[in-house]
N, C-alpha and C. Protein backbone atom coordinates (compact mmCIF):
# COMPACT_ATOMS: atom_id res chain seq x y z
N MET A 1 -1.47 -19.52 82.81
CA MET A 1 -0.36 -20.06 82.06
C MET A 1 -0.26 -19.32 80.72
N THR A 2 0.93 -18.99 80.32
CA THR A 2 1.18 -18.30 79.06
C THR A 2 1.10 -19.29 77.90
N SER A 3 0.42 -18.88 76.83
CA SER A 3 0.34 -19.72 75.65
C SER A 3 1.45 -19.32 74.67
N LEU A 4 1.77 -20.23 73.78
CA LEU A 4 2.79 -19.96 72.78
C LEU A 4 2.42 -18.76 71.92
N SER A 5 1.14 -18.67 71.56
CA SER A 5 0.72 -17.56 70.70
C SER A 5 0.83 -16.21 71.42
N SER A 6 0.76 -16.21 72.74
CA SER A 6 0.88 -14.94 73.46
C SER A 6 2.30 -14.39 73.41
N LEU A 7 3.27 -15.24 73.13
CA LEU A 7 4.66 -14.77 73.01
C LEU A 7 4.81 -13.79 71.85
N LEU A 8 4.08 -14.06 70.76
CA LEU A 8 4.11 -13.13 69.62
C LEU A 8 3.47 -11.81 70.03
N GLU A 9 2.38 -11.86 70.76
CA GLU A 9 1.74 -10.63 71.23
C GLU A 9 2.69 -9.81 72.11
N ASP A 10 3.43 -10.49 72.98
CA ASP A 10 4.40 -9.81 73.84
C ASP A 10 5.50 -9.15 73.01
N ALA A 11 5.97 -9.85 71.98
CA ALA A 11 7.03 -9.30 71.13
C ALA A 11 6.52 -8.08 70.38
N VAL A 12 5.28 -8.14 69.90
CA VAL A 12 4.69 -6.99 69.20
C VAL A 12 4.55 -5.81 70.14
N ALA A 13 4.11 -6.08 71.37
CA ALA A 13 3.94 -4.99 72.34
C ALA A 13 5.27 -4.32 72.69
N GLY A 14 6.33 -5.11 72.77
CA GLY A 14 7.62 -4.56 73.17
C GLY A 14 8.49 -4.05 72.04
N HIS A 15 8.33 -4.63 70.84
CA HIS A 15 9.22 -4.30 69.72
C HIS A 15 8.49 -4.35 68.38
N PRO A 16 7.43 -3.58 68.21
CA PRO A 16 6.63 -3.71 66.99
C PRO A 16 7.39 -3.45 65.69
N ASP A 17 8.39 -2.59 65.72
CA ASP A 17 9.11 -2.23 64.50
C ASP A 17 10.41 -2.98 64.30
N HIS A 18 10.75 -3.89 65.20
CA HIS A 18 11.97 -4.68 65.05
C HIS A 18 11.74 -5.83 64.07
N PRO A 19 12.76 -6.18 63.30
CA PRO A 19 12.61 -7.31 62.37
C PRO A 19 12.32 -8.62 63.11
N ALA A 20 11.34 -9.35 62.61
CA ALA A 20 10.98 -10.64 63.20
C ALA A 20 11.33 -11.78 62.26
N LEU A 21 11.08 -11.59 60.96
CA LEU A 21 11.32 -12.62 59.95
C LEU A 21 12.11 -12.03 58.80
N ARG A 22 13.10 -12.78 58.35
CA ARG A 22 13.92 -12.34 57.21
C ARG A 22 14.10 -13.49 56.23
N MET A 23 14.05 -13.15 54.96
CA MET A 23 14.39 -14.09 53.89
C MET A 23 14.83 -13.27 52.70
N ASP A 24 16.09 -13.37 52.37
CA ASP A 24 16.65 -12.57 51.29
C ASP A 24 16.33 -11.10 51.54
N ASP A 25 15.61 -10.45 50.61
CA ASP A 25 15.27 -9.03 50.77
C ASP A 25 13.98 -8.81 51.55
N LEU A 26 13.27 -9.87 51.86
CA LEU A 26 12.02 -9.75 52.60
C LEU A 26 12.32 -9.64 54.10
N VAL A 27 11.80 -8.59 54.70
CA VAL A 27 11.92 -8.40 56.16
C VAL A 27 10.54 -8.01 56.68
N LEU A 28 10.05 -8.80 57.64
CA LEU A 28 8.78 -8.48 58.29
C LEU A 28 9.05 -8.11 59.74
N THR A 29 8.50 -6.99 60.16
CA THR A 29 8.62 -6.59 61.56
C THR A 29 7.67 -7.46 62.39
N TYR A 30 7.80 -7.37 63.71
CA TYR A 30 6.89 -8.11 64.57
C TYR A 30 5.44 -7.69 64.32
N ALA A 31 5.20 -6.41 64.10
CA ALA A 31 3.84 -5.94 63.84
C ALA A 31 3.31 -6.53 62.52
N GLN A 32 4.14 -6.54 61.48
CA GLN A 32 3.73 -7.11 60.20
C GLN A 32 3.52 -8.61 60.30
N PHE A 33 4.37 -9.28 61.06
CA PHE A 33 4.25 -10.71 61.28
C PHE A 33 2.92 -11.01 61.99
N ARG A 34 2.62 -10.26 63.04
CA ARG A 34 1.36 -10.45 63.77
C ARG A 34 0.16 -10.19 62.87
N GLU A 35 0.25 -9.16 62.02
CA GLU A 35 -0.85 -8.85 61.10
C GLU A 35 -1.07 -10.01 60.13
N ALA A 36 0.00 -10.54 59.57
CA ALA A 36 -0.12 -11.67 58.63
C ALA A 36 -0.69 -12.90 59.33
N ALA A 37 -0.23 -13.18 60.55
CA ALA A 37 -0.76 -14.33 61.30
C ALA A 37 -2.24 -14.11 61.61
N GLY A 38 -2.62 -12.89 61.91
CA GLY A 38 -4.04 -12.58 62.17
C GLY A 38 -4.89 -12.79 60.93
N ARG A 39 -4.36 -12.42 59.78
CA ARG A 39 -5.09 -12.65 58.52
C ARG A 39 -5.20 -14.15 58.23
N MET A 40 -4.13 -14.90 58.54
CA MET A 40 -4.18 -16.36 58.35
C MET A 40 -5.24 -16.96 59.25
N SER A 41 -5.35 -16.48 60.47
CA SER A 41 -6.37 -16.96 61.39
C SER A 41 -7.76 -16.73 60.81
N THR A 42 -7.98 -15.56 60.24
CA THR A 42 -9.26 -15.24 59.62
C THR A 42 -9.53 -16.14 58.42
N LEU A 43 -8.51 -16.36 57.59
CA LEU A 43 -8.65 -17.24 56.44
C LEU A 43 -9.07 -18.63 56.90
N LEU A 44 -8.39 -19.16 57.90
CA LEU A 44 -8.72 -20.49 58.40
C LEU A 44 -10.14 -20.53 58.95
N GLY A 45 -10.53 -19.51 59.67
CA GLY A 45 -11.89 -19.43 60.18
C GLY A 45 -12.92 -19.43 59.06
N SER A 46 -12.58 -18.74 57.95
CA SER A 46 -13.51 -18.70 56.82
C SER A 46 -13.69 -20.07 56.16
N LEU A 47 -12.73 -20.95 56.39
CA LEU A 47 -12.81 -22.32 55.86
C LEU A 47 -13.47 -23.27 56.85
N GLY A 48 -13.89 -22.74 57.98
CA GLY A 48 -14.57 -23.56 58.97
C GLY A 48 -13.67 -24.15 60.04
N VAL A 49 -12.41 -23.74 60.08
CA VAL A 49 -11.50 -24.23 61.11
C VAL A 49 -11.91 -23.62 62.44
N GLU A 50 -12.12 -24.48 63.43
CA GLU A 50 -12.55 -24.06 64.76
C GLU A 50 -11.52 -24.48 65.79
N PRO A 51 -11.60 -23.91 66.99
CA PRO A 51 -10.67 -24.33 68.05
C PRO A 51 -10.69 -25.85 68.24
N GLY A 52 -9.49 -26.41 68.32
CA GLY A 52 -9.33 -27.85 68.48
C GLY A 52 -9.17 -28.61 67.18
N ASP A 53 -9.51 -27.99 66.04
CA ASP A 53 -9.31 -28.63 64.74
C ASP A 53 -7.83 -28.71 64.43
N ARG A 54 -7.47 -29.63 63.56
CA ARG A 54 -6.08 -29.78 63.14
C ARG A 54 -5.87 -29.15 61.76
N VAL A 55 -4.69 -28.53 61.60
CA VAL A 55 -4.30 -27.93 60.32
C VAL A 55 -2.89 -28.41 59.99
N GLY A 56 -2.74 -29.05 58.84
CA GLY A 56 -1.43 -29.51 58.39
C GLY A 56 -0.65 -28.37 57.74
N LEU A 57 0.66 -28.34 57.98
CA LEU A 57 1.55 -27.35 57.36
C LEU A 57 2.62 -28.09 56.57
N MET A 58 2.58 -27.99 55.26
CA MET A 58 3.60 -28.58 54.39
C MET A 58 4.42 -27.45 53.78
N LEU A 59 5.17 -26.77 54.63
CA LEU A 59 5.91 -25.58 54.21
C LEU A 59 7.38 -25.74 54.54
N PRO A 60 8.25 -25.26 53.64
CA PRO A 60 9.68 -25.28 53.95
C PRO A 60 10.02 -24.16 54.92
N ASN A 61 11.28 -23.99 55.17
CA ASN A 61 11.76 -22.98 56.10
C ASN A 61 11.74 -21.60 55.44
N VAL A 62 10.55 -21.06 55.30
CA VAL A 62 10.32 -19.72 54.74
C VAL A 62 9.38 -18.98 55.69
N PRO A 63 9.28 -17.65 55.61
CA PRO A 63 8.40 -16.91 56.52
C PRO A 63 6.95 -17.41 56.52
N ALA A 64 6.50 -18.03 55.45
CA ALA A 64 5.13 -18.55 55.42
C ALA A 64 4.89 -19.56 56.54
N PHE A 65 5.93 -20.32 56.93
CA PHE A 65 5.73 -21.32 57.98
C PHE A 65 5.35 -20.67 59.31
N PRO A 66 6.14 -19.74 59.86
CA PRO A 66 5.71 -19.15 61.14
C PRO A 66 4.42 -18.34 61.02
N ILE A 67 4.17 -17.73 59.87
CA ILE A 67 2.91 -17.00 59.69
C ILE A 67 1.74 -17.97 59.79
N ALA A 68 1.82 -19.08 59.07
CA ALA A 68 0.75 -20.08 59.10
C ALA A 68 0.66 -20.73 60.48
N PHE A 69 1.81 -21.01 61.09
CA PHE A 69 1.86 -21.64 62.40
C PHE A 69 1.13 -20.78 63.43
N TYR A 70 1.54 -19.51 63.54
CA TYR A 70 0.92 -18.63 64.53
C TYR A 70 -0.52 -18.28 64.15
N GLY A 71 -0.82 -18.25 62.86
CA GLY A 71 -2.20 -18.02 62.43
C GLY A 71 -3.11 -19.17 62.86
N ALA A 72 -2.61 -20.39 62.71
CA ALA A 72 -3.39 -21.56 63.14
C ALA A 72 -3.58 -21.55 64.65
N LEU A 73 -2.53 -21.21 65.38
CA LEU A 73 -2.66 -21.12 66.84
C LEU A 73 -3.68 -20.06 67.23
N ALA A 74 -3.65 -18.92 66.54
CA ALA A 74 -4.60 -17.85 66.84
C ALA A 74 -6.03 -18.28 66.57
N ALA A 75 -6.21 -19.20 65.63
CA ALA A 75 -7.54 -19.74 65.32
C ALA A 75 -7.94 -20.82 66.32
N GLY A 76 -7.02 -21.17 67.21
CA GLY A 76 -7.29 -22.22 68.19
C GLY A 76 -7.02 -23.61 67.66
N ALA A 77 -6.42 -23.70 66.50
CA ALA A 77 -6.16 -24.99 65.87
C ALA A 77 -4.89 -25.63 66.42
N VAL A 78 -4.78 -26.92 66.19
CA VAL A 78 -3.60 -27.69 66.52
C VAL A 78 -2.80 -27.84 65.22
N VAL A 79 -1.53 -27.49 65.25
CA VAL A 79 -0.69 -27.54 64.06
C VAL A 79 -0.12 -28.95 63.89
N VAL A 80 -0.19 -29.44 62.65
CA VAL A 80 0.39 -30.73 62.29
C VAL A 80 1.50 -30.45 61.28
N PRO A 81 2.77 -30.32 61.74
CA PRO A 81 3.87 -30.06 60.80
C PRO A 81 4.09 -31.28 59.90
N MET A 82 4.26 -31.01 58.61
CA MET A 82 4.44 -32.09 57.63
C MET A 82 5.58 -31.73 56.69
N ASN A 83 6.35 -32.72 56.31
CA ASN A 83 7.45 -32.53 55.39
C ASN A 83 6.91 -32.12 54.02
N PRO A 84 7.41 -31.03 53.42
CA PRO A 84 6.90 -30.62 52.11
C PRO A 84 7.30 -31.56 50.97
N LEU A 85 8.08 -32.59 51.27
CA LEU A 85 8.46 -33.56 50.23
C LEU A 85 7.58 -34.81 50.24
N LEU A 86 6.56 -34.83 51.09
CA LEU A 86 5.68 -36.00 51.16
C LEU A 86 4.96 -36.21 49.83
N LYS A 87 4.65 -37.45 49.56
CA LYS A 87 3.89 -37.83 48.36
C LYS A 87 2.42 -38.01 48.72
N GLU A 88 1.59 -38.13 47.70
CA GLU A 88 0.14 -38.21 47.88
C GLU A 88 -0.29 -39.17 48.98
N ARG A 89 0.18 -40.39 48.93
CA ARG A 89 -0.22 -41.41 49.90
C ARG A 89 0.17 -40.99 51.32
N GLU A 90 1.37 -40.42 51.46
CA GLU A 90 1.84 -40.00 52.78
C GLU A 90 1.04 -38.80 53.29
N VAL A 91 0.73 -37.87 52.39
CA VAL A 91 -0.08 -36.70 52.78
C VAL A 91 -1.44 -37.17 53.27
N ALA A 92 -2.06 -38.07 52.52
CA ALA A 92 -3.37 -38.60 52.91
C ALA A 92 -3.29 -39.28 54.27
N TYR A 93 -2.22 -40.02 54.51
CA TYR A 93 -2.06 -40.71 55.79
C TYR A 93 -1.94 -39.69 56.93
N TYR A 94 -1.04 -38.72 56.79
CA TYR A 94 -0.84 -37.73 57.85
C TYR A 94 -2.12 -36.96 58.16
N LEU A 95 -2.83 -36.55 57.12
CA LEU A 95 -4.06 -35.80 57.32
C LEU A 95 -5.14 -36.67 57.95
N GLY A 96 -5.28 -37.87 57.43
CA GLY A 96 -6.29 -38.78 57.96
C GLY A 96 -6.00 -39.20 59.39
N ASP A 97 -4.75 -39.55 59.66
CA ASP A 97 -4.37 -40.01 61.00
C ASP A 97 -4.52 -38.90 62.05
N SER A 98 -4.18 -37.68 61.67
CA SER A 98 -4.27 -36.55 62.62
C SER A 98 -5.67 -35.98 62.70
N GLY A 99 -6.48 -36.25 61.69
CA GLY A 99 -7.82 -35.67 61.65
C GLY A 99 -7.82 -34.24 61.12
N ALA A 100 -6.73 -33.84 60.46
CA ALA A 100 -6.64 -32.48 59.92
C ALA A 100 -7.68 -32.27 58.82
N GLY A 101 -8.39 -31.18 58.91
CA GLY A 101 -9.40 -30.85 57.91
C GLY A 101 -8.89 -29.91 56.85
N ALA A 102 -7.66 -29.42 57.03
CA ALA A 102 -7.06 -28.49 56.07
C ALA A 102 -5.55 -28.67 56.08
N VAL A 103 -4.94 -28.34 54.96
CA VAL A 103 -3.49 -28.36 54.85
C VAL A 103 -3.06 -27.12 54.07
N ILE A 104 -2.00 -26.48 54.53
CA ILE A 104 -1.40 -25.35 53.82
C ILE A 104 -0.10 -25.87 53.25
N ALA A 105 0.01 -25.85 51.92
CA ALA A 105 1.17 -26.44 51.26
C ALA A 105 1.90 -25.42 50.40
N TRP A 106 3.22 -25.54 50.38
CA TRP A 106 4.07 -24.71 49.53
C TRP A 106 3.75 -25.05 48.08
N HIS A 107 3.81 -24.06 47.20
CA HIS A 107 3.41 -24.24 45.81
C HIS A 107 4.14 -25.39 45.13
N ALA A 108 5.39 -25.63 45.48
CA ALA A 108 6.15 -26.72 44.86
C ALA A 108 5.63 -28.09 45.28
N ALA A 109 4.93 -28.15 46.41
CA ALA A 109 4.38 -29.41 46.92
C ALA A 109 2.88 -29.50 46.69
N ALA A 110 2.30 -28.51 46.03
CA ALA A 110 0.85 -28.40 45.92
C ALA A 110 0.21 -29.57 45.18
N GLY A 111 0.87 -30.11 44.19
CA GLY A 111 0.29 -31.22 43.43
C GLY A 111 0.05 -32.44 44.29
N GLU A 112 1.09 -32.88 44.98
CA GLU A 112 0.97 -34.05 45.86
C GLU A 112 0.06 -33.74 47.04
N ALA A 113 0.16 -32.53 47.57
CA ALA A 113 -0.67 -32.14 48.71
C ALA A 113 -2.14 -32.13 48.33
N ALA A 114 -2.46 -31.60 47.16
CA ALA A 114 -3.85 -31.55 46.72
C ALA A 114 -4.43 -32.95 46.54
N LYS A 115 -3.66 -33.84 45.96
CA LYS A 115 -4.15 -35.22 45.77
C LYS A 115 -4.34 -35.91 47.11
N GLY A 116 -3.37 -35.76 48.01
CA GLY A 116 -3.48 -36.36 49.34
C GLY A 116 -4.62 -35.77 50.14
N ALA A 117 -4.81 -34.44 50.04
CA ALA A 117 -5.91 -33.79 50.74
C ALA A 117 -7.25 -34.29 50.22
N ALA A 118 -7.36 -34.44 48.92
CA ALA A 118 -8.61 -34.96 48.34
C ALA A 118 -8.88 -36.37 48.85
N ASP A 119 -7.84 -37.20 48.89
CA ASP A 119 -7.99 -38.57 49.40
C ASP A 119 -8.46 -38.58 50.85
N ALA A 120 -8.00 -37.61 51.64
CA ALA A 120 -8.32 -37.56 53.07
C ALA A 120 -9.57 -36.72 53.36
N GLY A 121 -10.12 -36.08 52.34
CA GLY A 121 -11.28 -35.23 52.55
C GLY A 121 -10.95 -33.92 53.23
N ALA A 122 -9.74 -33.43 53.03
CA ALA A 122 -9.29 -32.18 53.66
C ALA A 122 -9.24 -31.05 52.62
N GLN A 123 -9.31 -29.82 53.10
CA GLN A 123 -9.18 -28.66 52.24
C GLN A 123 -7.70 -28.35 52.02
N MET A 124 -7.37 -27.84 50.84
CA MET A 124 -5.98 -27.53 50.50
C MET A 124 -5.84 -26.04 50.22
N ILE A 125 -4.83 -25.43 50.82
CA ILE A 125 -4.50 -24.02 50.61
C ILE A 125 -3.08 -23.98 50.07
N THR A 126 -2.87 -23.29 48.96
CA THR A 126 -1.54 -23.20 48.36
C THR A 126 -0.87 -21.90 48.78
N ALA A 127 0.35 -22.02 49.27
CA ALA A 127 1.18 -20.87 49.64
C ALA A 127 2.10 -20.57 48.46
N GLU A 128 1.89 -19.44 47.82
CA GLU A 128 2.64 -19.08 46.61
C GLU A 128 3.89 -18.24 46.89
N THR A 129 3.83 -17.43 47.95
CA THR A 129 4.94 -16.51 48.22
C THR A 129 5.40 -16.67 49.67
N PRO A 130 6.65 -16.31 49.94
CA PRO A 130 7.16 -16.47 51.31
C PRO A 130 6.39 -15.68 52.37
N ASP A 131 5.78 -14.56 51.99
CA ASP A 131 5.05 -13.76 52.98
C ASP A 131 3.53 -13.97 52.90
N LEU A 132 3.08 -14.83 51.99
CA LEU A 132 1.66 -15.15 51.81
C LEU A 132 0.81 -13.93 51.46
N GLU A 133 1.45 -12.89 50.95
CA GLU A 133 0.77 -11.62 50.71
C GLU A 133 -0.48 -11.76 49.85
N GLY A 134 -0.38 -12.40 48.71
CA GLY A 134 -1.54 -12.54 47.83
C GLY A 134 -2.64 -13.38 48.45
N LEU A 135 -2.28 -14.43 49.13
CA LEU A 135 -3.25 -15.33 49.76
C LEU A 135 -4.05 -14.63 50.85
N LEU A 136 -3.39 -13.76 51.61
CA LEU A 136 -4.01 -13.14 52.78
C LEU A 136 -4.61 -11.77 52.51
N ALA A 137 -4.42 -11.24 51.30
CA ALA A 137 -4.78 -9.86 51.01
C ALA A 137 -6.24 -9.51 51.31
N GLY A 138 -7.16 -10.39 51.07
CA GLY A 138 -8.57 -10.06 51.24
C GLY A 138 -9.13 -10.33 52.62
N PHE A 139 -8.29 -10.68 53.57
CA PHE A 139 -8.78 -11.06 54.90
C PHE A 139 -8.43 -10.02 55.95
N ALA A 140 -9.37 -9.80 56.85
CA ALA A 140 -9.15 -8.88 57.97
C ALA A 140 -8.27 -9.56 59.01
N VAL A 141 -7.64 -8.75 59.84
CA VAL A 141 -6.80 -9.27 60.90
C VAL A 141 -7.67 -9.74 62.05
N ALA A 142 -7.49 -10.98 62.47
CA ALA A 142 -8.22 -11.52 63.62
C ALA A 142 -7.75 -10.79 64.88
N PRO A 143 -8.63 -10.66 65.86
CA PRO A 143 -8.22 -10.00 67.11
C PRO A 143 -7.07 -10.75 67.79
N ALA A 144 -6.30 -10.04 68.57
CA ALA A 144 -5.17 -10.64 69.28
C ALA A 144 -5.67 -11.73 70.21
N THR A 145 -4.83 -12.74 70.38
CA THR A 145 -5.19 -13.85 71.26
C THR A 145 -5.04 -13.42 72.70
N THR A 146 -5.70 -14.13 73.57
CA THR A 146 -5.60 -13.84 75.00
C THR A 146 -4.77 -14.92 75.66
N ARG A 147 -4.34 -14.63 76.83
CA ARG A 147 -3.53 -15.60 77.57
C ARG A 147 -4.42 -16.66 78.06
């Protein structure tokens, strides 16, 4: 059976230089998108995220969302999508109820996300830029996922 994460691998194999994500002047090709997702997978692994763990995503509709989404899938994690407008109590509830040990939050939501993550005992990662370039810069690309 084909996994969702393998669809990105197929797109990279067939169209590595075609645009995959766009936001204003930012354009990431499928190859660049896969590289960023691979770095996110490595980042999550460095935080102790293992296959089957849950990772919350409090990101708006920016390229950081699919990068984090596919990165979490590549790490074997289960994605818990969360509204970036949630408040501390709601963040704590979502993280606690899902069992998420980490949350990736957009910088504008980082204050509430950090407080809610602390309440739930989860790790908090702040996404500062749409392409997560600064956050992912020091991480190697995780190997491609298998079917």
